Protein backbone atom coordinates (compact mmCIF):
# COMPACT_ATOMS: atom_id res chain seq x y z
CA MET A 1 121.18 99.24 111.07
CA SER A 2 123.41 99.68 108.04
CA SER A 3 124.11 103.08 106.51
CA ARG A 4 121.92 102.08 103.53
CA ASP A 5 118.91 101.52 105.83
CA ARG A 6 119.08 104.91 107.55
CA PHE A 7 117.09 107.77 106.11
CA GLU A 8 119.05 110.88 105.30
CA ARG A 9 117.95 113.76 103.14
CA GLY A 10 120.51 115.28 100.83
CA THR A 11 122.37 112.10 99.92
CA ASP A 12 123.53 111.30 96.41
CA GLY A 13 120.24 110.61 94.73
CA PRO A 14 116.90 109.47 96.05
CA ARG A 15 116.57 106.10 97.80
CA VAL A 16 112.77 106.08 97.70
CA ILE A 17 110.82 107.64 94.83
CA LEU A 18 107.06 108.00 95.15
CA VAL A 19 104.95 108.50 92.05
CA GLY A 20 101.25 109.31 92.07
CA VAL A 21 99.30 107.50 89.36
CA ASP A 22 95.67 107.73 88.30
CA GLY A 23 95.70 106.26 84.79
CA SER A 24 95.84 109.62 83.01
CA PRO A 25 98.43 110.05 80.23
CA THR A 26 100.46 112.50 82.33
CA SER A 27 100.49 110.21 85.36
CA LEU A 28 101.64 107.31 83.21
CA ARG A 29 104.46 109.50 81.82
CA ALA A 30 105.36 110.41 85.41
CA ALA A 31 105.44 106.70 86.30
CA ALA A 32 107.69 105.92 83.31
CA TYR A 33 110.02 108.78 84.24
CA ALA A 34 110.05 107.67 87.90
CA ALA A 35 110.80 104.06 86.90
CA GLY A 36 113.72 105.17 84.75
CA LEU A 37 115.02 107.37 87.56
CA ALA A 38 114.65 104.50 90.04
CA ARG A 39 116.56 102.20 87.70
CA ARG A 40 119.40 104.67 87.16
CA GLN A 41 119.65 105.60 90.85
CA ALA A 42 119.07 102.05 92.18
CA SER A 43 116.14 103.49 94.15
CA ARG A 44 112.98 101.90 95.43
CA LEU A 45 109.87 102.98 93.50
CA VAL A 46 106.52 103.30 95.23
CA ALA A 47 103.49 104.00 93.03
CA VAL A 48 100.37 105.27 94.76
CA TYR A 49 96.89 105.23 93.25
CA VAL A 50 94.40 107.31 95.20
CA ALA A 51 90.77 106.51 94.52
CA GLU A 52 88.70 109.58 95.21
CA PRO A 53 85.37 109.08 96.98
CA ALA A 54 82.27 109.08 94.80
CA PRO A 55 80.60 112.48 94.49
CA PRO A 56 77.63 112.95 96.84
CA MET A 57 75.20 113.13 93.92
CA ALA A 58 76.15 109.56 92.94
CA GLY A 59 74.00 108.39 95.85
CA TRP A 60 70.92 109.65 94.02
CA VAL A 61 71.31 106.96 91.37
CA PRO A 62 71.36 103.50 92.94
CA ALA A 63 73.51 101.90 90.25
CA ALA A 64 76.04 104.77 90.21
CA GLN A 65 77.88 103.65 93.35
CA ALA A 66 78.43 100.16 91.89
CA VAL A 67 79.58 101.55 88.53
CA ILE A 68 82.05 103.92 90.23
CA ARG A 69 83.33 101.14 92.51
CA ASP A 70 83.80 98.78 89.53
CA ALA A 71 85.57 101.44 87.45
CA THR A 72 87.89 102.28 90.34
CA ALA A 73 88.73 98.59 90.87
CA GLU A 74 89.42 98.18 87.15
CA VAL A 75 91.79 101.17 87.04
CA ASP A 76 93.50 99.91 90.19
CA ALA A 77 94.04 96.42 88.73
CA GLU A 78 95.34 97.79 85.42
CA LEU A 79 97.79 100.14 87.11
CA ARG A 80 99.01 97.39 89.45
CA ALA A 81 99.62 95.05 86.49
CA GLU A 82 101.38 97.74 84.43
CA LEU A 83 103.69 98.60 87.32
CA ALA A 84 104.54 94.96 88.00
CA HIS A 85 105.33 94.38 84.32
CA ALA A 86 107.45 97.54 83.98
CA ALA A 87 109.31 96.90 87.24
CA GLN A 88 110.18 93.37 86.19
CA HIS A 89 111.26 94.52 82.72
CA LEU A 90 113.46 97.30 84.14
CA GLY A 91 114.71 95.37 87.15
CA VAL A 92 113.37 98.00 89.55
CA ASP A 93 112.40 97.39 93.17
CA ALA A 94 108.78 98.58 92.98
CA GLU A 95 105.76 98.58 95.23
CA TYR A 96 102.17 99.52 94.43
CA ARG A 97 99.80 100.99 96.99
CA THR A 98 96.17 101.98 96.85
CA ALA A 99 94.58 104.63 99.04
CA ARG A 100 91.17 106.26 99.20
CA GLY A 101 90.51 109.94 99.79
CA ASP A 102 91.98 113.27 98.76
CA PRO A 103 94.99 112.64 96.48
CA VAL A 104 97.21 115.29 98.10
CA THR A 105 96.44 114.13 101.63
CA GLU A 106 97.04 110.48 100.79
CA ILE A 107 100.20 111.02 98.72
CA ALA A 108 101.61 113.20 101.51
CA ARG A 109 100.72 110.58 104.13
CA VAL A 110 102.46 107.80 102.20
CA ALA A 111 105.46 110.00 101.32
CA ASP A 112 105.95 110.93 104.98
CA ALA A 113 105.51 107.35 106.19
CA LEU A 114 108.05 105.84 103.77
CA PRO A 115 109.84 108.42 103.97
CA ALA A 116 110.15 109.40 100.31
CA ASP A 117 113.12 111.34 98.99
CA ALA A 118 111.25 112.53 95.90
CA VAL A 119 107.64 112.78 94.74
CA LEU A 120 106.65 112.70 91.08
CA VAL A 121 103.23 113.42 89.61
CA GLY A 122 101.81 114.15 86.20
CA ALA A 123 100.71 117.65 85.31
CA SER A 124 96.98 118.20 85.54
CA GLU A 125 95.11 118.36 82.26
CA GLN A 126 92.03 119.98 83.83
CA ALA A 127 91.51 123.68 83.17
CA GLY A 128 89.88 124.30 86.57
CA HIS A 129 93.06 123.34 88.36
CA ARG A 130 94.65 126.60 87.30
CA VAL A 131 92.24 128.34 89.67
CA VAL A 132 91.83 125.84 92.52
CA GLY A 133 95.28 124.27 92.36
CA SER A 134 96.30 120.91 91.00
CA VAL A 135 97.62 117.99 93.01
CA ALA A 136 101.12 118.97 91.89
CA VAL A 137 100.79 122.58 93.02
CA ARG A 138 99.32 121.54 96.35
CA LEU A 139 102.16 119.03 96.93
CA VAL A 140 104.77 121.67 96.09
CA ARG A 141 103.13 124.08 98.54
CA LEU A 142 103.49 121.50 101.32
CA GLY A 143 107.25 121.83 100.80
CA ARG A 144 108.24 118.55 102.45
CA TRP A 145 109.95 116.81 99.50
CA PRO A 146 111.28 117.68 96.08
CA VAL A 147 108.31 117.42 93.70
CA THR A 148 108.78 116.77 89.99
CA VAL A 149 105.83 117.51 87.72
CA VAL A 150 105.92 115.59 84.45
CA PRO A 151 104.00 117.13 81.51
């Protein structure tokens, strides 16, 4: 195993940067920032899209599950294509992953498994997150990696 293949926190710059994306403007800014950072640091970029489960009430409307599934697949395909295009344009080693579930749980799972040296996410634009806690705040509270929140 070469010294480049071993994981070590506290080295000069991140080797693996994880960015959470969901298609929102702030997550796309976070992805752009992460891609630039990965290019400058010669890091590997891993983008993670977490599809949240459909709300329980969606089961009440038979067509709702199909609409939600189709919309999720469309967002997933668009994000995958955008990442591939940007990575090729910037010359960045990038990987795209899709997960299903709670965004914090899934981002943390992937970040730990990689292991990631840095996690980037977009700031939440939802007012209710000030009370309950956004994905970014919940990731920071876990305290396992440096977390950058991009406005």
